[in-house]
Amino acid sequence: MTLDAAGPGRRARPLRAGRPDNYGLAARDAQLEAAQAKLAVLAVLAEQIEYLRRRLGKDSSTSSKPPSSDNPYTKEPTDRSLRSRSGRNPGKQPGTPSSTLR
């Protein structure tokens, strides 16, 4: 059984189960304030992460940056020709003799 802190001229009395003491409440209040401070810091960091992700997503097609500032390794090369392959194999017709130097 724990005893309540007694002031001058007061007797110490036992604490009842389920009845918090003032020291426990102060500790809980301190923990709550610390948790709220951490949540505030997390909110600021989440905003910074979102800002940096938006900046990373920008290139010359989504901002006013010039095309020369784009990273050539991250951008997919675009097809320049509209012609498609015919499906035929290149070279001579099958069955004809080859013409190489001997």
PDB file of N, CA and C in Angstrom:
ATOM      1  N   MET A   1       0.849  -1.165   0.000  1.00  0.00           N
ATOM      2  CA  MET A   1       0.000   0.000   0.000  1.00  0.00           C
ATOM      3  C   MET A   1       0.897   1.231   0.000  1.00  0.00           C
ATOM      4  N   THR A   2       0.611   2.199  -0.873  1.00  0.00           N
ATOM      5  CA  THR A   2       1.403   3.424  -0.928  1.00  0.00           C
ATOM      6  C   THR A   2       0.706   4.515  -0.138  1.00  0.00           C
ATOM      7  N   LEU A   3       1.508   5.451   0.314  1.00  0.00           N
ATOM      8  CA  LEU A   3       0.983   6.547   1.123  1.00  0.00           C
ATOM      9  C   LEU A   3       0.975   7.833   0.338  1.00  0.00           C
ATOM     10  N   ASP A   4      -0.043   8.648   0.555  1.00  0.00           N
ATOM     11  CA  ASP A   4      -0.139   9.961  -0.061  1.00  0.00           C
ATOM     12  C   ASP A   4       0.860  10.881   0.622  1.00  0.00           C
ATOM     13  N   ALA A   5       1.468  11.800  -0.149  1.00  0.00           N
ATOM     14  CA  ALA A   5       2.429  12.736   0.446  1.00  0.00           C
ATOM     15  C   ALA A   5       1.685  13.659   1.399  1.00  0.00           C
ATOM     16  N   ALA A   6       2.195  13.747   2.604  1.00  0.00           N
ATOM     17  CA  ALA A   6       1.523  14.575   3.615  1.00  0.00           C
ATOM     18  C   ALA A   6       2.224  15.905   3.726  1.00  0.00           C
ATOM     19  N   GLY A   7       1.438  16.959   3.890  1.00  0.00           N
ATOM     20  CA  GLY A   7       1.997  18.289   4.073  1.00  0.00           C
ATOM     21  C   GLY A   7       2.293  18.520   5.545  1.00  0.00           C
ATOM     22  N   PRO A   8       2.741  19.712   5.913  1.00  0.00           N
ATOM     23  CA  PRO A   8       3.033  19.980   7.318  1.00  0.00           C
ATOM     24  C   PRO A   8       1.755  19.935   8.149  1.00  0.00           C
ATOM     25  N   GLY A   9       1.808  19.206   9.241  1.00  0.00           N
ATOM     26  CA  GLY A   9       0.675  19.103  10.136  1.00  0.00           C
ATOM     27  C   GLY A   9      -0.395  18.146   9.660  1.00  0.00           C
ATOM     28  N   ARG A  10      -0.140  17.363   8.607  1.00  0.00           N
ATOM     29  CA  ARG A  10      -1.127  16.417   8.090  1.00  0.00           C
ATOM     30  C   ARG A  10      -0.590  15.010   8.224  1.00  0.00           C
ATOM     31  N   ARG A  11      -1.481  14.096   8.389  1.00  0.00           N
ATOM     32  CA  ARG A  11      -1.076  12.702   8.471  1.00  0.00           C
ATOM     33  C   ARG A  11      -1.059  12.105   7.067  1.00  0.00           C
ATOM     34  N   ALA A  12      -0.143  11.172   6.874  1.00  0.00           N
ATOM     35  CA  ALA A  12      -0.105  10.458   5.600  1.00  0.00           C
ATOM     36  C   ALA A  12      -1.259   9.469   5.577  1.00  0.00           C
ATOM     37  N   ARG A  13      -1.976   9.378   4.471  1.00  0.00           N
ATOM     38  CA  ARG A  13      -3.085   8.448   4.378  1.00  0.00           C
ATOM     39  C   ARG A  13      -2.856   7.528   3.189  1.00  0.00           C
ATOM     40  N   PRO A  14      -3.311   6.319   3.289  1.00  0.00           N
ATOM     41  CA  PRO A  14      -3.107   5.371   2.186  1.00  0.00           C
ATOM     42  C   PRO A  14      -3.947   5.767   0.971  1.00  0.00           C
ATOM     43  N   LEU A  15      -3.403   5.501  -0.221  1.00  0.00           N
ATOM     44  CA  LEU A  15      -4.136   5.755  -1.458  1.00  0.00           C
ATOM     45  C   LEU A  15      -5.060   4.586  -1.734  1.00  0.00           C
ATOM     46  N   ARG A  16      -6.230   4.864  -2.227  1.00  0.00           N
ATOM     47  CA  ARG A  16      -7.160   3.811  -2.593  1.00  0.00           C
ATOM     48  C   ARG A  16      -6.868   3.379  -4.033  1.00  0.00           C
ATOM     49  N   ALA A  17      -7.162   2.150  -4.314  1.00  0.00           N
ATOM     50  CA  ALA A  17      -6.958   1.626  -5.669  1.00  0.00           C
ATOM     51  C   ALA A  17      -7.896   2.354  -6.631  1.00  0.00           C
ATOM     52  N   GLY A  18      -7.401   2.726  -7.789  1.00  0.00           N
ATOM     53  CA  GLY A  18      -8.204   3.408  -8.793  1.00  0.00           C
ATOM     54  C   GLY A  18      -8.300   4.904  -8.578  1.00  0.00           C
ATOM     55  N   ARG A  19      -7.654   5.427  -7.564  1.00  0.00           N
ATOM     56  CA  ARG A  19      -7.678   6.870  -7.316  1.00  0.00           C
ATOM     57  C   ARG A  19      -6.282   7.426  -7.597  1.00  0.00           C
ATOM     58  N   PRO A  20      -6.104   8.176  -8.683  1.00  0.00           N
ATOM     59  CA  PRO A  20      -4.759   8.654  -9.022  1.00  0.00           C
ATOM     60  C   PRO A  20      -4.300   9.743  -8.059  1.00  0.00           C
ATOM     61  N   ASP A  21      -3.002   9.778  -7.821  1.00  0.00           N
ATOM     62  CA  ASP A  21      -2.447  10.845  -6.994  1.00  0.00           C
ATOM     63  C   ASP A  21      -2.067  12.030  -7.871  1.00  0.00           C
ATOM     64  N   ASN A  22      -1.798  13.150  -7.278  1.00  0.00           N
ATOM     65  CA  ASN A  22      -1.473  14.361  -8.035  1.00  0.00           C
ATOM     66  C   ASN A  22      -0.172  14.226  -8.799  1.00  0.00           C
ATOM     67  N   TYR A  23       0.769  13.452  -8.280  1.00  0.00           N
ATOM     68  CA  TYR A  23       2.045  13.293  -8.971  1.00  0.00           C
ATOM     69  C   TYR A  23       1.865  12.484 -10.258  1.00  0.00           C
ATOM     70  N   GLY A  24       1.000  11.513 -10.229  1.00  0.00           N
ATOM     71  CA  GLY A  24       0.731  10.740 -11.436  1.00  0.00           C
ATOM     72  C   GLY A  24       0.063  11.582 -12.504  1.00  0.00           C
ATOM     73  N   LEU A  25      -0.823  12.478 -12.097  1.00  0.00           N
ATOM     74  CA  LEU A  25      -1.484  13.355 -13.068  1.00  0.00           C
ATOM     75  C   LEU A  25      -0.496  14.315 -13.706  1.00  0.00           C
ATOM     76  N   ALA A  26       0.418  14.824 -12.917  1.00  0.00           N
ATOM     77  CA  ALA A  26       1.421  15.741 -13.467  1.00  0.00           C
ATOM     78  C   ALA A  26       2.305  15.015 -14.469  1.00  0.00           C
ATOM     79  N   ALA A  27       2.647  13.781 -14.156  1.00  0.00           N
ATOM     80  CA  ALA A  27       3.478  13.003 -15.086  1.00  0.00           C
ATOM     81  C   ALA A  27       2.704  12.724 -16.375  1.00  0.00           C
ATOM     82  N   ARG A  28       1.418  12.405 -16.218  1.00  0.00           N
ATOM     83  CA  ARG A  28       0.605  12.154 -17.413  1.00  0.00           C
ATOM     84  C   ARG A  28       0.445  13.424 -18.240  1.00  0.00           C
ATOM     85  N   ASP A  29       0.264  14.555 -17.572  1.00  0.00           N
ATOM     86  CA  ASP A  29       0.170  15.825 -18.298  1.00  0.00           C
ATOM     87  C   ASP A  29       1.452  16.115 -19.057  1.00  0.00           C
ATOM     88  N   ALA A  30       2.596  15.832 -18.436  1.00  0.00           N
ATOM     89  CA  ALA A  30       3.881  16.051 -19.106  1.00  0.00           C
ATOM     90  C   ALA A  30       4.018  15.131 -20.313  1.00  0.00           C
ATOM     91  N   GLN A  31       3.574  13.876 -20.168  1.00  0.00           N
ATOM     92  CA  GLN A  31       3.627  12.949 -21.302  1.00  0.00           C
ATOM     93  C   GLN A  31       2.697  13.400 -22.413  1.00  0.00           C
ATOM     94  N   LEU A  32       1.534  13.900 -22.047  1.00  0.00           N
ATOM     95  CA  LEU A  32       0.586  14.377 -23.049  1.00  0.00           C
ATOM     96  C   LEU A  32       1.143  15.580 -23.796  1.00  0.00           C
ATOM     97  N   GLU A  33       1.756  16.514 -23.086  1.00  0.00           N
ATOM     98  CA  GLU A  33       2.364  17.682 -23.740  1.00  0.00           C
ATOM     99  C   GLU A  33       3.504  17.268 -24.651  1.00  0.00           C
ATOM    100  N   ALA A  34       4.302  16.296 -24.209  1.00  0.00           N
ATOM    101  CA  ALA A  34       5.408  15.814 -25.051  1.00  0.00           C
ATOM    102  C   ALA A  34       4.861  15.147 -26.313  1.00  0.00           C
ATOM    103  N   ALA A  35       3.788  14.383 -26.172  1.00  0.00           N
ATOM    104  CA  ALA A  35       3.196  13.728 -27.341  1.00  0.00           C
ATOM    105  C   ALA A  35       2.606  14.755 -28.302  1.00  0.00           C
ATOM    106  N   GLN A  36       1.973  15.802 -27.763  1.00  0.00           N
ATOM    107  CA  GLN A  36       1.416  16.848 -28.628  1.00  0.00           C
ATOM    108  C   GLN A  36       2.526  17.600 -29.351  1.00  0.00           C
ATOM    109  N   ALA A  37       3.653  17.824 -28.670  1.00  0.00           N
ATOM    110  CA  ALA A  37       4.783  18.497 -29.320  1.00  0.00           C
ATOM    111  C   ALA A  37       5.332  17.626 -30.445  1.00  0.00           C
ATOM    112  N   LYS A  38       5.397  16.313 -30.205  1.00  0.00           N
ATOM    113  CA  LYS A  38       5.882  15.411 -31.253  1.00  0.00           C
ATOM    114  C   LYS A  38       4.933  15.390 -32.442  1.00  0.00           C
ATOM    115  N   LEU A  39       3.631  15.434 -32.169  1.00  0.00           N
ATOM    116  CA  LEU A  39       2.669  15.463 -33.266  1.00  0.00           C
ATOM    117  C   LEU A  39       2.791  16.742 -34.080  1.00  0.00           C
ATOM    118  N   ALA A  40       3.064  17.855 -33.416  1.00  0.00           N
ATOM    119  CA  ALA A  40       3.250  19.114 -34.136  1.00  0.00           C
ATOM    120  C   ALA A  40       4.482  19.046 -35.028  1.00  0.00           C
ATOM    121  N   VAL A  41       5.557  18.454 -34.515  1.00  0.00           N
ATOM    122  CA  VAL A  41       6.779  18.302 -35.310  1.00  0.00           C
ATOM    123  C   VAL A  41       6.515  17.381 -36.494  1.00  0.00           C
ATOM    124  N   LEU A  42       5.762  16.288 -36.271  1.00  0.00           N
ATOM    125  CA  LEU A  42       5.444  15.373 -37.364  1.00  0.00           C
ATOM    126  C   LEU A  42       4.606  16.054 -38.439  1.00  0.00           C
ATOM    127  N   ALA A  43       3.700  16.920 -38.046  1.00  0.00           N
ATOM    128  CA  ALA A  43       2.884  17.633 -39.029  1.00  0.00           C
ATOM    129  C   ALA A  43       3.754  18.553 -39.889  1.00  0.00           C
ATOM    130  N   VAL A  44       4.700  19.238 -39.257  1.00  0.00           N
ATOM    131  CA  VAL A  44       5.605  20.121 -40.010  1.00  0.00           C
ATOM    132  C   VAL A  44       6.459  19.300 -40.965  1.00  0.00           C
ATOM    133  N   LEU A  45       6.970  18.155 -40.492  1.00  0.00           N
ATOM    134  CA  LEU A  45       7.805  17.308 -41.355  1.00  0.00           C
ATOM    135  C   LEU A  45       6.989  16.728 -42.507  1.00  0.00           C
ATOM    136  N   ALA A  46       5.738  16.377 -42.269  1.00  0.00           N
ATOM    137  CA  ALA A  46       4.891  15.856 -43.346  1.00  0.00           C
ATOM    138  C   ALA A  46       4.672  16.923 -44.413  1.00  0.00           C
ATOM    139  N   GLU A  47       4.481  18.167 -43.994  1.00  0.00           N
ATOM    140  CA  GLU A  47       4.330  19.257 -44.965  1.00  0.00           C
ATOM    141  C   GLU A  47       5.601  19.435 -45.783  1.00  0.00           C
ATOM    142  N   GLN A  48       6.759  19.350 -45.134  1.00  0.00           N
ATOM    143  CA  GLN A  48       8.024  19.489 -45.853  1.00  0.00           C
ATOM    144  C   GLN A  48       8.221  18.350 -46.842  1.00  0.00           C
ATOM    145  N   ILE A  49       7.862  17.141 -46.459  1.00  0.00           N
ATOM    146  CA  ILE A  49       7.995  15.996 -47.361  1.00  0.00           C
ATOM    147  C   ILE A  49       7.099  16.186 -48.577  1.00  0.00           C
ATOM    148  N   GLU A  50       5.876  16.630 -48.370  1.00  0.00           N
ATOM    149  CA  GLU A  50       4.964  16.854 -49.486  1.00  0.00           C
ATOM    150  C   GLU A  50       5.499  17.939 -50.421  1.00  0.00           C
ATOM    151  N   TYR A  51       6.055  18.997 -49.862  1.00  0.00           N
ATOM    152  CA  TYR A  51       6.629  20.074 -50.679  1.00  0.00           C
ATOM    153  C   TYR A  51       7.795  19.540 -51.516  1.00  0.00           C
ATOM    154  N   LEU A  52       8.668  18.741 -50.902  1.00  0.00           N
ATOM    155  CA  LEU A  52       9.821  18.213 -51.632  1.00  0.00           C
ATOM    156  C   LEU A  52       9.398  17.207 -52.692  1.00  0.00           C
ATOM    157  N   ARG A  53       8.371  16.419 -52.422  1.00  0.00           N
ATOM    158  CA  ARG A  53       7.878  15.482 -53.443  1.00  0.00           C
ATOM    159  C   ARG A  53       7.315  16.233 -54.642  1.00  0.00           C
ATOM    160  N   ARG A  54       6.606  17.332 -54.373  1.00  0.00           N
ATOM    161  CA  ARG A  54       6.092  18.135 -55.492  1.00  0.00           C
ATOM    162  C   ARG A  54       7.243  18.720 -56.306  1.00  0.00           C
ATOM    163  N   ARG A  55       8.305  19.155 -55.625  1.00  0.00           N
ATOM    164  CA  ARG A  55       9.447  19.713 -56.352  1.00  0.00           C
ATOM    165  C   ARG A  55      10.145  18.647 -57.188  1.00  0.00           C
ATOM    166  N   LEU A  56      10.250  17.421 -56.656  1.00  0.00           N
ATOM    167  CA  LEU A  56      10.894  16.355 -57.412  1.00  0.00           C
ATOM    168  C   LEU A  56      10.088  15.971 -58.646  1.00  0.00           C
ATOM    169  N   GLY A  57       8.782  16.114 -58.583  1.00  0.00           N
ATOM    170  CA  GLY A  57       7.934  15.735 -59.703  1.00  0.00           C
ATOM    171  C   GLY A  57       7.931  16.730 -60.840  1.00  0.00           C
ATOM    172  N   LYS A  58       8.560  17.874 -60.662  1.00  0.00           N
ATOM    173  CA  LYS A  58       8.540  18.893 -61.704  1.00  0.00           C
ATOM    174  C   LYS A  58       9.667  18.674 -62.709  1.00  0.00           C
ATOM    175  N   ASP A  59       9.350  18.893 -63.961  1.00  0.00           N
ATOM    176  CA  ASP A  59      10.348  18.951 -65.017  1.00  0.00           C
ATOM    177  C   ASP A  59       9.909  20.041 -65.989  1.00  0.00           C
ATOM    178  N   SER A  60      10.510  20.092 -67.147  1.00  0.00           N
ATOM    179  CA  SER A  60      10.218  21.194 -68.061  1.00  0.00           C
ATOM    180  C   SER A  60       8.785  21.132 -68.587  1.00  0.00           C
ATOM    181  N   SER A  61       8.163  19.955 -68.570  1.00  0.00           N
ATOM    182  CA  SER A  61       6.796  19.875 -69.089  1.00  0.00           C
ATOM    183  C   SER A  61       5.763  20.265 -68.042  1.00  0.00           C
ATOM    184  N   THR A  62       6.133  20.277 -66.744  1.00  0.00           N
ATOM    185  CA  THR A  62       5.170  20.613 -65.696  1.00  0.00           C
ATOM    186  C   THR A  62       5.538  21.883 -64.943  1.00  0.00           C
ATOM    187  N   SER A  63       6.516  22.639 -65.443  1.00  0.00           N
ATOM    188  CA  SER A  63       6.884  23.887 -64.776  1.00  0.00           C
ATOM    189  C   SER A  63       7.461  24.842 -65.814  1.00  0.00           C
ATOM    190  N   SER A  64       7.992  25.943 -65.346  1.00  0.00           N
ATOM    191  CA  SER A  64       8.568  26.925 -66.263  1.00  0.00           C
ATOM    192  C   SER A  64      10.069  26.721 -66.448  1.00  0.00           C
ATOM    193  N   LYS A  65      10.579  25.565 -66.022  1.00  0.00           N
ATOM    194  CA  LYS A  65      12.007  25.287 -66.177  1.00  0.00           C
ATOM    195  C   LYS A  65      12.336  25.003 -67.644  1.00  0.00           C
ATOM    196  N   PRO A  66      13.545  25.349 -68.088  1.00  0.00           N
ATOM    197  CA  PRO A  66      13.915  25.047 -69.468  1.00  0.00           C
ATOM    198  C   PRO A  66      14.179  23.548 -69.648  1.00  0.00           C
ATOM    199  N   PRO A  67      14.028  23.015 -70.867  1.00  0.00           N
ATOM    200  CA  PRO A  67      14.251  21.588 -71.098  1.00  0.00           C
ATOM    201  C   PRO A  67      15.685  21.140 -70.800  1.00  0.00           C
ATOM    202  N   SER A  68      16.630  22.047 -70.887  1.00  0.00           N
ATOM    203  CA  SER A  68      18.014  21.646 -70.619  1.00  0.00           C
ATOM    204  C   SER A  68      18.249  21.316 -69.152  1.00  0.00           C
ATOM    205  N   SER A  69      17.332  21.718 -68.268  1.00  0.00           N
ATOM    206  CA  SER A  69      17.508  21.417 -66.852  1.00  0.00           C
ATOM    207  C   SER A  69      16.954  20.048 -66.479  1.00  0.00           C
ATOM    208  N   ASP A  70      16.295  19.353 -67.408  1.00  0.00           N
ATOM    209  CA  ASP A  70      15.766  18.020 -67.121  1.00  0.00           C
ATOM    210  C   ASP A  70      16.903  17.013 -66.999  1.00  0.00           C
ATOM    211  N   ASN A  71      16.723  16.044 -66.125  1.00  0.00           N
ATOM    212  CA  ASN A  71      17.702  14.972 -65.961  1.00  0.00           C
ATOM    213  C   ASN A  71      17.514  13.977 -67.104  1.00  0.00           C
ATOM    214  N   PRO A  72      18.540  13.731 -67.921  1.00  0.00           N
ATOM    215  CA  PRO A  72      18.361  12.832 -69.067  1.00  0.00           C
ATOM    216  C   PRO A  72      18.213  11.369 -68.658  1.00  0.00           C
ATOM    217  N   TYR A  73      18.558  11.012 -67.429  1.00  0.00           N
ATOM    218  CA  TYR A  73      18.515   9.616 -67.012  1.00  0.00           C
ATOM    219  C   TYR A  73      17.161   9.217 -66.452  1.00  0.00           C
ATOM    220  N   THR A  74      16.361  10.165 -66.025  1.00  0.00           N
ATOM    221  CA  THR A  74      15.072   9.822 -65.435  1.00  0.00           C
ATOM    222  C   THR A  74      13.924   9.947 -66.416  1.00  0.00           C
ATOM    223  N   LYS A  75      14.121  10.660 -67.492  1.00  0.00           N
ATOM    224  CA  LYS A  75      13.039  10.874 -68.438  1.00  0.00           C
ATOM    225  C   LYS A  75      13.058   9.791 -69.515  1.00  0.00           C
ATOM    226  N   GLU A  76      11.882   9.281 -69.832  1.00  0.00           N
ATOM    227  CA  GLU A  76      11.766   8.265 -70.877  1.00  0.00           C
ATOM    228  C   GLU A  76      12.004   8.910 -72.241  1.00  0.00           C
ATOM    229  N   PRO A  77      12.779   8.258 -73.118  1.00  0.00           N
ATOM    230  CA  PRO A  77      12.955   8.827 -74.457  1.00  0.00           C
ATOM    231  C   PRO A  77      11.652   8.724 -75.251  1.00  0.00           C
ATOM    232  N   THR A  78      11.354   9.754 -75.987  1.00  0.00           N
ATOM    233  CA  THR A  78      10.123   9.760 -76.772  1.00  0.00           C
ATOM    234  C   THR A  78      10.404   9.197 -78.162  1.00  0.00           C
ATOM    235  N   ASP A  79       9.396   8.570 -78.749  1.00  0.00           N
ATOM    236  CA  ASP A  79       9.531   8.056 -80.109  1.00  0.00           C
ATOM    237  C   ASP A  79       9.486   9.229 -81.071  1.00  0.00           C
ATOM    238  N   ARG A  80      10.477   9.289 -81.937  1.00  0.00           N
ATOM    239  CA  ARG A  80      10.535  10.409 -82.893  1.00  0.00           C
ATOM    240  C   ARG A  80       9.834  10.071 -84.192  1.00  0.00           C
ATOM    241  N   SER A  81       9.753   8.801 -84.514  1.00  0.00           N
ATOM    242  CA  SER A  81       9.179   8.406 -85.784  1.00  0.00           C
ATOM    243  C   SER A  81       7.794   7.828 -85.572  1.00  0.00           C
ATOM    244  N   LEU A  82       6.910   8.093 -86.495  1.00  0.00           N
ATOM    245  CA  LEU A  82       5.578   7.522 -86.442  1.00  0.00           C
ATOM    246  C   LEU A  82       5.498   6.221 -87.228  1.00  0.00           C
ATOM    247  N   ARG A  83       6.588   5.874 -87.934  1.00  0.00           N
ATOM    248  CA  ARG A  83       6.610   4.642 -88.708  1.00  0.00           C
ATOM    249  C   ARG A  83       6.757   3.450 -87.777  1.00  0.00           C
ATOM    250  N   SER A  84       6.049   2.382 -88.083  1.00  0.00           N
ATOM    251  CA  SER A  84       6.160   1.172 -87.268  1.00  0.00           C
ATOM    252  C   SER A  84       6.858   0.080 -88.071  1.00  0.00           C
ATOM    253  N   ARG A  85       7.324  -0.922 -87.377  1.00  0.00           N
ATOM    254  CA  ARG A  85       8.008  -2.030 -88.040  1.00  0.00           C
ATOM    255  C   ARG A  85       7.007  -2.854 -88.824  1.00  0.00           C
ATOM    256  N   SER A  86       7.458  -3.414 -89.973  1.00  0.00           N
ATOM    257  CA  SER A  86       6.553  -4.176 -90.834  1.00  0.00           C
ATOM    258  C   SER A  86       6.424  -5.619 -90.380  1.00  0.00           C
ATOM    259  N   GLY A  87       7.355  -6.119 -89.605  1.00  0.00           N
ATOM    260  CA  GLY A  87       7.295  -7.500 -89.150  1.00  0.00           C
ATOM    261  C   GLY A  87       8.167  -8.428 -89.991  1.00  0.00           C
ATOM    262  N   ARG A  88       8.701  -7.938 -91.103  1.00  0.00           N
ATOM    263  CA  ARG A  88       9.545  -8.775 -91.955  1.00  0.00           C
ATOM    264  C   ARG A  88      10.966  -8.783 -91.403  1.00  0.00           C
ATOM    265  N   ASN A  89      11.675  -9.892 -91.635  1.00  0.00           N
ATOM    266  CA  ASN A  89      13.072  -9.992 -91.228  1.00  0.00           C
ATOM    267  C   ASN A  89      13.952  -9.279 -92.239  1.00  0.00           C
ATOM    268  N   PRO A  90      14.986  -8.594 -91.784  1.00  0.00           N
ATOM    269  CA  PRO A  90      15.877  -7.923 -92.732  1.00  0.00           C
ATOM    270  C   PRO A  90      16.802  -8.943 -93.408  1.00  0.00           C
ATOM    271  N   GLY A  91      17.314  -8.574 -94.602  1.00  0.00           N
ATOM    272  CA  GLY A  91      18.295  -9.418 -95.281  1.00  0.00           C
ATOM    273  C   GLY A  91      17.753 -10.040 -96.550  1.00  0.00           C
ATOM    274  N   LYS A  92      18.489 -11.063 -97.030  1.00  0.00           N
ATOM    275  CA  LYS A  92      18.153 -11.706 -98.307  1.00  0.00           C
ATOM    276  C   LYS A  92      16.974 -12.658 -98.146  1.00  0.00           C
ATOM    277  N   GLN A  93      16.503 -13.129 -99.271  1.00  0.00           N
ATOM    278  CA  GLN A  93      15.413 -14.089 -99.233  1.00  0.00           C
ATOM    279  C   GLN A  93      15.946 -15.452 -98.822  1.00  0.00           C
ATOM    280  N   PRO A  94      15.139 -16.220 -98.105  1.00  0.00           N
ATOM    281  CA  PRO A  94      15.633 -17.530 -97.677  1.00  0.00           C
ATOM    282  C   PRO A  94      15.848 -18.451 -98.892  1.00  0.00           C
ATOM    283  N   GLY A  95      16.930 -19.233 -98.821  1.00  0.00           N
ATOM    284  CA  GLY A  95      17.223 -20.205 -99.886  1.00  0.00           C
ATOM    285  C   GLY A  95      18.204 -19.733-100.938  1.00  0.00           C
ATOM    286  N   THR A  96      18.484 -18.480-101.054  1.00  0.00           N
ATOM    287  CA  THR A  96      19.428 -17.982-102.046  1.00  0.00           C
ATOM    288  C   THR A  96      20.831 -18.022-101.458  1.00  0.00           C
ATOM    289  N   PRO A  97      21.846 -18.268-102.305  1.00  0.00           N
ATOM    290  CA  PRO A  97      23.218 -18.349-101.790  1.00  0.00           C
ATOM    291  C   PRO A  97      23.704 -16.977-101.316  1.00  0.00           C
ATOM    292  N   SER A  98      24.567 -17.014-100.317  1.00  0.00           N
ATOM    293  CA  SER A  98      25.101 -15.754 -99.796  1.00  0.00           C
ATOM    294  C   SER A  98      26.225 -15.268-100.680  1.00  0.00           C
ATOM    295  N   SER A  99      26.481 -14.002-100.657  1.00  0.00           N
ATOM    296  CA  SER A  99      27.537 -13.428-101.485  1.00  0.00           C
ATOM    297  C   SER A  99      28.593 -12.800-100.570  1.00  0.00           C
ATOM    298  N   THR A 100      29.475 -13.648-100.043  1.00  0.00           N
ATOM    299  CA  THR A 100      30.548 -13.145 -99.201  1.00  0.00           C
ATOM    300  C   THR A 100      31.878 -13.353 -99.895  1.00  0.00           C
ATOM    301  N   LEU A 101      32.882 -12.618 -99.516  1.00  0.00           N
ATOM    302  CA  LEU A 101      34.207 -12.764-100.105  1.00  0.00           C
ATOM    303  C   LEU A 101      34.836 -14.033 -99.588  1.00  0.00           C
ATOM    304  N   ARG A 102      35.499 -14.829-100.545  1.00  0.00           N
ATOM    305  CA  ARG A 102      36.160 -16.065-100.138  1.00  0.00           C
ATOM    306  C   ARG A 102      37.603 -16.028-100.400  1.00  0.00           C
TER     307      ARG A 102
END
